[in-house]
Amino acid sequence: MAANTFGNVFRLTTFGESHGEAIGGVIDGCPAGLAIDLDFIQSQLDRRKPGQSHIVTQRKESDTVKFLSGIFEGKTTGASIGFVIYNENQKSKDYEHLKENYRPSHADYTYDTKYGFRDYRGGGRSSARETASRVVGGAVASLLLKNKNISVNAYVSQVGTIQLDKNHNELDLTQVDANVVRCPDERVASQMIEYIEKVKKNGDTVGGLVSCVIKNVPAGLGEPVFDKLHAQLAYAMMGINAVKGFEYGSGFNGARVLGSQHNDEFYNEKGTISTKTNFSGGIQGGISNGQDIYFNVAFKPVATIMQLQNSVNNKGEEVEVGGRGRHDPCVLPRAVPIVEAMANLVIADNLLLARNSKI
């Protein structure tokens, strides 16, 4: 199986399956001498882990990370950083009925078609459990970005048709974790939670949007052709389980206006070049311009629902498939730290790439 590594200079390779003994990863390219805050890294995992509230899956995992290499006396050595997270609460019997059956909108059929063999216990390598390793890598990248005063903050901005009609500049992003749905507006968050509870009671699932803003990114990151910064962010986000769409800056709304309405005019304020508006989303020509980078990530409803659905098995026979076990009625609250992690990895990688450029 190829494509288990993300990044160019700051690289994360992950391993492990949902119902295997452990998951984990190796981080390469992290500079030596970076102070590692283990409590911070664990706190990010705690934001992603299952069982943290009544509106997410009740699988109980401590998701405690153990570092195996690359850290000495609290700092990185420049060597590969190896880490492992042991699986503690697998219930593989919940998946026995799927040994031959293909679940609608899952990777079962495509996985079988590609490899001719699959781990049916929770999806194996295709399970979103793998994203815990991404959160560890992203947390280490975040520590690198903090030294440059770069911050990455994501939050839930939409659940189903319930939408937060405010942009990131109107929100107090320190309040993202003030409620279980991770929406920094208490009134809208209450509506979202109530709706997720209703959906869960009906044995169904719901999707929505996670929004993210990256502040204090220096101008000059990204490449003008194939490795445009927004293309790298899109690639990172589209690689997250259940993601169906990505838009940055004005996004699809930008298609509805005129150029005279959309262009971001420059101005010089005490020697610092800035823009009066930011429809570009902090990126122009594939390169960061120093303004806030902001984007939305669309997540589909979780494919496992507690209702019977029509499908086929690996012999092509028609069957009925129903969800069992513990699953998220809405993946969005747990997706917030994953979106942040992938954004951290992209920006950290580009900062290290820029060492040999003008920056």
Protein backbone atom coordinates (compact mmCIF):
# COMPACT_ATOMS: atom_id res chain seq x y z
CA MET A 1 0.00 0.00 0.00
CA ALA A 2 1.48 3.33 -1.09
CA ALA A 3 0.78 6.94 -0.05
CA ASN A 4 1.19 6.72 3.73
CA THR A 5 3.45 9.80 3.90
CA PHE A 6 2.44 13.48 3.83
CA GLY A 7 4.76 16.44 3.29
CA ASN A 8 8.04 17.34 1.58
CA VAL A 9 10.48 18.52 4.26
CA PHE A 10 8.34 18.17 7.38
CA ARG A 11 7.00 14.67 6.66
CA LEU A 12 4.53 12.49 8.53
CA THR A 13 4.22 8.76 7.85
CA THR A 14 1.41 6.91 9.62
CA PHE A 15 0.75 3.22 10.25
CA GLY A 16 -1.82 0.96 11.88
CA GLU A 17 -5.46 -0.09 11.60
CA SER A 18 -8.63 0.66 13.51
CA HIS A 19 -8.79 -2.77 15.19
CA GLY A 20 -5.10 -3.65 15.17
CA GLU A 21 -2.87 -3.50 18.22
CA ALA A 22 -1.86 0.12 17.69
CA ILE A 23 -1.63 3.08 15.37
CA GLY A 24 1.26 5.49 15.16
CA GLY A 25 3.65 7.40 13.00
CA VAL A 26 7.08 8.75 12.19
CA ILE A 27 7.84 12.46 11.80
CA ASP A 28 10.87 13.33 9.65
CA GLY A 29 12.37 16.73 8.96
CA CYS A 30 11.56 18.39 12.27
CA PRO A 31 14.45 20.71 13.19
CA ALA A 32 16.56 19.90 16.24
CA GLY A 33 16.09 21.90 19.43
CA LEU A 34 12.30 22.32 19.26
CA ALA A 35 10.82 22.19 22.77
CA ILE A 36 8.17 19.46 22.92
CA ASP A 37 5.15 20.15 25.12
CA LEU A 38 3.79 16.66 25.76
CA ASP A 39 0.73 17.97 27.61
CA PHE A 40 -0.21 20.15 24.64
CA ILE A 41 0.14 17.24 22.20
CA GLN A 42 -2.01 15.03 24.43
CA SER A 43 -4.61 17.78 24.76
CA GLN A 44 -4.99 17.86 20.98
CA LEU A 45 -5.51 14.09 20.93
CA ASP A 46 -8.10 14.46 23.68
CA ARG A 47 -10.05 16.84 21.44
CA ARG A 48 -10.17 14.18 18.69
CA LYS A 49 -10.63 11.03 20.76
CA PRO A 50 -13.90 9.08 20.84
CA GLY A 51 -16.23 9.03 23.84
CA GLN A 52 -15.69 12.66 24.81
CA SER A 53 -19.39 13.65 24.69
CA HIS A 54 -22.85 12.24 24.06
CA ILE A 55 -22.94 13.48 20.44
CA VAL A 56 -19.93 11.43 19.26
CA THR A 57 -19.09 7.71 19.14
CA GLN A 58 -18.94 6.06 22.57
CA ARG A 59 -15.88 3.94 21.79
CA LYS A 60 -13.63 4.44 24.83
CA GLU A 61 -10.03 5.13 23.96
CA SER A 62 -7.55 7.09 26.08
CA ASP A 63 -5.55 7.83 22.92
CA THR A 64 -2.42 8.21 25.01
CA VAL A 65 0.59 8.87 22.80
CA LYS A 66 3.97 7.34 23.59
CA PHE A 67 7.04 8.80 21.90
CA LEU A 68 9.73 6.28 21.02
CA SER A 69 12.52 8.34 19.45
CA GLY A 70 13.72 11.76 18.32
CA ILE A 71 13.21 13.55 21.66
CA PHE A 72 15.83 13.99 24.39
CA GLU A 73 15.53 16.11 27.53
CA GLY A 74 12.30 17.63 26.22
CA LYS A 75 13.64 18.74 22.84
CA THR A 76 13.81 17.29 19.36
CA THR A 77 17.16 15.88 18.33
CA GLY A 78 16.67 16.23 14.58
CA ALA A 79 16.27 12.47 14.21
CA SER A 80 13.04 10.74 13.23
CA ILE A 81 10.32 11.16 15.85
CA GLY A 82 8.56 7.84 16.32
CA PHE A 83 5.33 7.50 18.30
CA VAL A 84 2.62 4.96 19.02
CA ILE A 85 -0.99 5.03 20.27
CA TYR A 86 -2.28 1.68 21.48
CA ASN A 87 -5.84 0.64 20.68
CA GLU A 88 -7.65 -0.27 23.89
CA ASN A 89 -11.36 -0.69 23.18
CA GLN A 90 -11.85 -2.61 19.95
CA LYS A 91 -15.08 -4.58 19.57
CA SER A 92 -14.33 -6.47 16.39
CA LYS A 93 -17.41 -8.69 16.76
CA ASP A 94 -19.53 -5.65 15.87
CA TYR A 95 -18.20 -6.05 12.32
CA GLU A 96 -18.57 -9.82 11.80
CA HIS A 97 -21.75 -9.29 9.77
CA LEU A 98 -19.73 -7.17 7.32
CA LYS A 99 -17.12 -9.82 6.53
CA GLU A 100 -18.66 -10.37 3.09
CA ASN A 101 -21.12 -7.47 2.86
CA TYR A 102 -20.39 -4.05 1.38
CA ARG A 103 -21.64 -1.06 3.39
CA PRO A 104 -23.17 1.75 1.29
CA SER A 105 -20.80 4.72 0.81
CA HIS A 106 -17.92 3.03 2.62
CA ALA A 107 -14.55 1.92 1.23
CA ASP A 108 -15.47 -1.79 1.46
CA TYR A 109 -16.14 -2.43 -2.23
CA THR A 110 -13.37 -0.19 -3.60
CA TYR A 111 -10.85 -1.61 -1.09
CA ASP A 112 -11.74 -5.17 -2.11
CA THR A 113 -11.53 -4.23 -5.79
CA LYS A 114 -8.09 -2.66 -5.41
CA TYR A 115 -6.39 -5.11 -3.05
CA GLY A 116 -8.48 -8.30 -3.30
CA PHE A 117 -8.43 -8.51 0.49
CA ARG A 118 -9.60 -6.22 3.29
CA ASP A 119 -9.71 -5.84 7.05
CA TYR A 120 -13.47 -5.56 7.60
CA ARG A 121 -13.09 -4.66 11.29
CA GLY A 122 -13.99 -0.99 11.31
CA GLY A 123 -12.54 -0.42 7.86
CA GLY A 124 -8.96 -1.28 8.80
CA ARG A 125 -6.55 1.23 7.29
CA SER A 126 -9.39 3.26 5.75
CA SER A 127 -10.86 3.98 9.20
CA ALA A 128 -10.85 7.54 10.52
CA ARG A 129 -9.02 6.18 13.56
CA GLU A 130 -5.83 6.70 11.52
CA THR A 131 -6.34 10.46 11.87
CA ALA A 132 -5.19 10.32 15.50
CA SER A 133 -1.66 9.95 14.14
CA ARG A 134 -2.19 13.04 12.00
CA VAL A 135 -3.19 14.98 15.10
CA VAL A 136 0.11 14.06 16.78
CA GLY A 137 2.08 15.17 13.73
CA GLY A 138 0.04 18.35 13.46
CA ALA A 139 0.55 19.14 17.14
CA VAL A 140 4.33 18.91 16.74
CA ALA A 141 4.07 21.14 13.66
CA SER A 142 1.97 23.57 15.70
CA LEU A 143 4.79 23.91 18.26
CA LEU A 144 7.08 24.87 15.38
CA LEU A 145 4.57 27.46 14.11
CA LYS A 146 4.10 28.98 17.56
CA ASN A 147 7.74 30.03 17.47
CA LYS A 148 6.78 32.15 14.44
CA ASN A 149 3.58 33.45 16.09
CA ILE A 150 1.46 31.57 13.52
CA SER A 151 -1.88 30.30 14.81
CA VAL A 152 -4.35 27.82 13.30
CA ASN A 153 -7.93 27.74 14.60
CA ALA A 154 -10.80 25.65 13.27
CA TYR A 155 -14.43 25.50 14.40
CA VAL A 156 -17.79 24.03 13.38
CA SER A 157 -19.68 26.60 11.30
CA GLN A 158 -22.54 24.47 9.98
CA VAL A 159 -24.43 21.30 10.93
CA GLY A 160 -26.96 20.25 8.31
CA THR A 161 -28.90 23.43 7.52
CA ILE A 162 -27.99 25.15 10.82
CA GLN A 163 -25.37 27.71 9.87
CA LEU A 164 -23.23 30.20 11.78
CA ASP A 165 -23.66 33.45 9.84
CA LYS A 166 -20.51 35.15 11.12
CA ASN A 167 -16.97 35.22 9.74
CA HIS A 168 -13.91 34.46 11.84
CA ASN A 169 -13.26 38.15 12.58
CA GLU A 170 -16.61 38.37 14.40
CA LEU A 171 -15.94 35.36 16.63
CA ASP A 172 -14.03 34.73 19.83
CA LEU A 173 -12.06 31.68 18.76
CA THR A 174 -10.94 31.04 22.35
CA GLN A 175 -14.51 29.78 22.88
CA VAL A 176 -14.35 26.95 20.32
CA ASP A 177 -14.02 24.30 23.04
CA ALA A 178 -16.60 25.90 25.33
CA ASN A 179 -19.26 23.45 24.09
CA VAL A 180 -19.28 19.86 22.81
CA VAL A 181 -20.05 20.76 19.19
CA ARG A 182 -17.09 23.20 18.96
CA CYS A 183 -19.02 26.15 17.58
CA PRO A 184 -17.84 29.46 19.12
CA ASP A 185 -21.38 30.91 19.28
CA GLU A 186 -23.38 29.54 22.19
CA ARG A 187 -26.80 30.20 20.68
CA VAL A 188 -26.04 28.49 17.38
CA ALA A 189 -24.12 25.72 19.17
CA SER A 190 -27.22 24.87 21.22
CA GLN A 191 -29.27 24.53 18.04
CA MET A 192 -26.61 22.30 16.48
CA ILE A 193 -26.43 20.03 19.53
CA GLU A 194 -30.21 19.68 19.69
CA TYR A 195 -30.32 18.74 16.01
CA ILE A 196 -27.52 16.16 16.31
CA GLU A 197 -29.34 14.58 19.26
CA LYS A 198 -32.51 14.31 17.16
CA VAL A 199 -30.61 12.79 14.23
CA LYS A 200 -28.90 10.28 16.52
CA LYS A 201 -32.22 9.23 18.06
CA ASN A 202 -33.50 8.43 14.56
CA GLY A 203 -30.48 6.25 13.84
CA ASP A 204 -29.24 8.65 11.21
CA THR A 205 -26.22 10.95 10.68
CA VAL A 206 -25.60 14.52 9.54
CA GLY A 207 -22.72 16.46 7.97
CA GLY A 208 -21.75 20.12 7.75
CA LEU A 209 -18.82 22.53 7.57
CA VAL A 210 -15.63 23.09 9.54
CA SER A 211 -14.12 26.55 9.03
CA CYS A 212 -10.46 27.35 9.66
CA VAL A 213 -8.36 30.52 9.86
CA ILE A 214 -4.55 30.73 9.83
CA LYS A 215 -3.12 33.98 11.16
CA ASN A 216 0.31 35.63 10.88
CA VAL A 217 1.52 33.58 7.93
CA PRO A 218 4.37 35.51 6.29
CA ALA A 219 4.03 36.56 2.67
CA GLY A 220 5.88 34.32 0.25
CA LEU A 221 4.87 30.74 1.16
CA GLY A 222 3.78 28.43 -1.64
CA GLU A 223 4.70 27.95 -5.28
CA PRO A 224 3.14 29.59 -8.36
CA VAL A 225 2.48 26.47 -10.44
CA PHE A 226 1.69 22.96 -9.19
CA ASP A 227 2.34 23.49 -5.47
CA LYS A 228 0.14 26.52 -4.96
CA LEU A 229 -0.45 27.01 -1.24
CA HIS A 230 -4.21 26.74 -1.58
CA ALA A 231 -3.79 23.56 -3.66
CA GLN A 232 -1.65 22.06 -0.90
CA LEU A 233 -4.28 22.95 1.70
CA ALA A 234 -7.02 21.49 -0.50
CA TYR A 235 -5.00 18.27 -0.93
CA ALA A 236 -4.50 18.06 2.85
CA MET A 237 -8.18 18.61 3.65
CA MET A 238 -9.54 16.36 0.90
CA GLY A 239 -7.43 13.53 2.35
CA ILE A 240 -9.44 13.60 5.59
CA ASN A 241 -12.13 10.94 5.92
CA ALA A 242 -15.67 12.06 4.95
CA VAL A 243 -14.52 15.34 3.33
CA LYS A 244 -16.46 16.23 0.17
CA GLY A 245 -15.41 19.79 -0.56
CA PHE A 246 -12.95 22.63 0.05
CA GLU A 247 -13.17 26.37 -0.61
CA TYR A 248 -10.87 29.20 0.43
CA GLY A 249 -11.30 32.97 0.48
CA SER A 250 -14.51 33.99 -1.26
CA GLY A 251 -14.86 30.42 -2.52
CA PHE A 252 -17.89 29.66 -4.65
CA ASN A 253 -19.46 33.00 -3.69
CA GLY A 254 -16.67 34.66 -5.68
CA ALA A 255 -18.23 33.27 -8.85
CA ARG A 256 -21.30 35.47 -8.36
CA VAL A 257 -19.65 38.92 -8.29
CA LEU A 258 -17.75 41.23 -10.65
CA GLY A 259 -14.00 41.70 -10.67
CA SER A 260 -14.46 45.29 -9.55
CA GLN A 261 -16.24 43.95 -6.46
CA HIS A 262 -13.86 41.10 -5.81
CA ASN A 263 -10.35 42.54 -6.25
CA ASP A 264 -8.38 43.15 -3.04
CA GLU A 265 -6.85 46.63 -3.35
CA PHE A 266 -3.39 47.15 -1.88
CA TYR A 267 -2.35 49.96 0.42
CA ASN A 268 0.82 50.89 2.28
CA GLU A 269 0.53 51.51 6.01
CA LYS A 270 3.79 52.69 7.57
CA GLY A 271 5.89 50.56 5.25
CA THR A 272 3.71 47.45 5.49
CA ILE A 273 1.80 46.43 2.36
CA SER A 274 -1.69 45.12 3.10
CA THR A 275 -5.07 44.75 1.37
CA LYS A 276 -8.31 46.60 2.09
CA THR A 277 -10.34 43.41 1.69
CA ASN A 278 -9.40 39.73 1.75
CA PHE A 279 -11.53 37.91 -0.78
CA SER A 280 -8.29 36.19 -1.87
CA GLY A 281 -8.19 34.34 1.44
CA GLY A 282 -4.57 35.31 2.11
CA ILE A 283 -3.27 33.61 -1.03
CA GLN A 284 -2.64 35.19 -4.45
CA GLY A 285 -1.04 33.38 -7.38
CA GLY A 286 -0.61 30.35 -5.13
CA ILE A 287 1.60 32.32 -2.70
CA SER A 288 0.66 33.70 0.73
CA ASN A 289 0.32 37.51 0.86
CA GLY A 290 0.49 37.99 4.64
CA GLN A 291 -3.27 38.28 5.23
CA ASP A 292 -5.40 35.76 7.10
CA ILE A 293 -5.76 32.45 5.26
CA TYR A 294 -9.28 31.13 5.73
CA PHE A 295 -11.21 28.22 4.26
CA ASN A 296 -14.18 25.88 4.67
CA VAL A 297 -14.14 22.09 4.64
CA ALA A 298 -17.37 20.21 3.84
CA PHE A 299 -17.98 16.88 5.60
CA LYS A 300 -20.61 14.41 4.44
CA PRO A 301 -22.90 12.58 6.88
CA VAL A 302 -21.13 9.58 8.43
CA ALA A 303 -21.83 6.58 6.19
CA THR A 304 -22.65 4.16 9.02
CA ILE A 305 -26.30 4.65 10.00
CA MET A 306 -28.41 2.58 12.40
CA GLN A 307 -30.96 1.75 9.72
CA LEU A 308 -31.29 -1.12 7.27
CA GLN A 309 -30.03 -0.39 3.75
CA ASN A 310 -29.92 -2.38 0.54
CA SER A 311 -26.51 -3.51 -0.69
CA VAL A 312 -24.63 -6.49 -2.14
CA ASN A 313 -21.98 -8.84 -0.83
CA ASN A 314 -18.66 -9.90 -2.36
CA LYS A 315 -20.48 -12.55 -4.41
CA GLY A 316 -22.75 -9.93 -5.96
CA GLU A 317 -25.78 -11.16 -4.03
CA GLU A 318 -28.33 -8.64 -2.74
CA VAL A 319 -28.28 -8.18 1.04
CA GLU A 320 -29.55 -5.86 3.75
CA VAL A 321 -26.92 -4.06 5.81
CA GLY A 322 -27.47 -2.25 9.10
CA GLY A 323 -25.05 -0.42 11.36
CA ARG A 324 -24.02 -1.92 14.70
CA GLY A 325 -21.70 -0.83 17.46
CA ARG A 326 -20.49 2.69 18.23
CA HIS A 327 -20.40 5.38 15.58
CA ASP A 328 -20.52 9.18 15.29
CA PRO A 329 -23.91 10.69 14.42
CA CYS A 330 -21.90 13.76 13.36
CA VAL A 331 -18.16 13.74 12.77
CA LEU A 332 -17.71 17.53 12.88
CA PRO A 333 -16.76 18.10 16.56
CA ARG A 334 -13.95 15.53 16.34
CA ALA A 335 -12.91 16.77 12.89
CA VAL A 336 -11.93 20.23 14.19
CA PRO A 337 -8.51 19.17 15.58
CA ILE A 338 -7.89 17.05 12.45
CA VAL A 339 -8.44 20.06 10.16
CA GLU A 340 -6.10 22.10 12.37
CA ALA A 341 -3.49 19.33 12.32
CA MET A 342 -3.42 19.08 8.53
CA ALA A 343 -3.22 22.88 8.17
CA ASN A 344 -0.33 22.93 10.66
CA LEU A 345 1.51 20.28 8.63
CA VAL A 346 1.10 22.24 5.39
CA ILE A 347 2.29 25.57 6.82
CA ALA A 348 5.19 24.02 8.75
CA ASP A 349 6.33 22.19 5.62
CA ASN A 350 6.23 25.41 3.60
CA LEU A 351 8.11 27.36 6.26
CA LEU A 352 10.94 24.83 6.12
CA LEU A 353 10.87 24.84 2.31
CA ALA A 354 11.19 28.61 2.40
CA ARG A 355 14.50 28.49 4.28
CA ASN A 356 16.32 28.55 0.97
CA SER A 357 14.13 31.28 -0.51
CA LYS A 358 13.98 35.02 0.10
CA ILE A 359 12.13 34.73 3.41
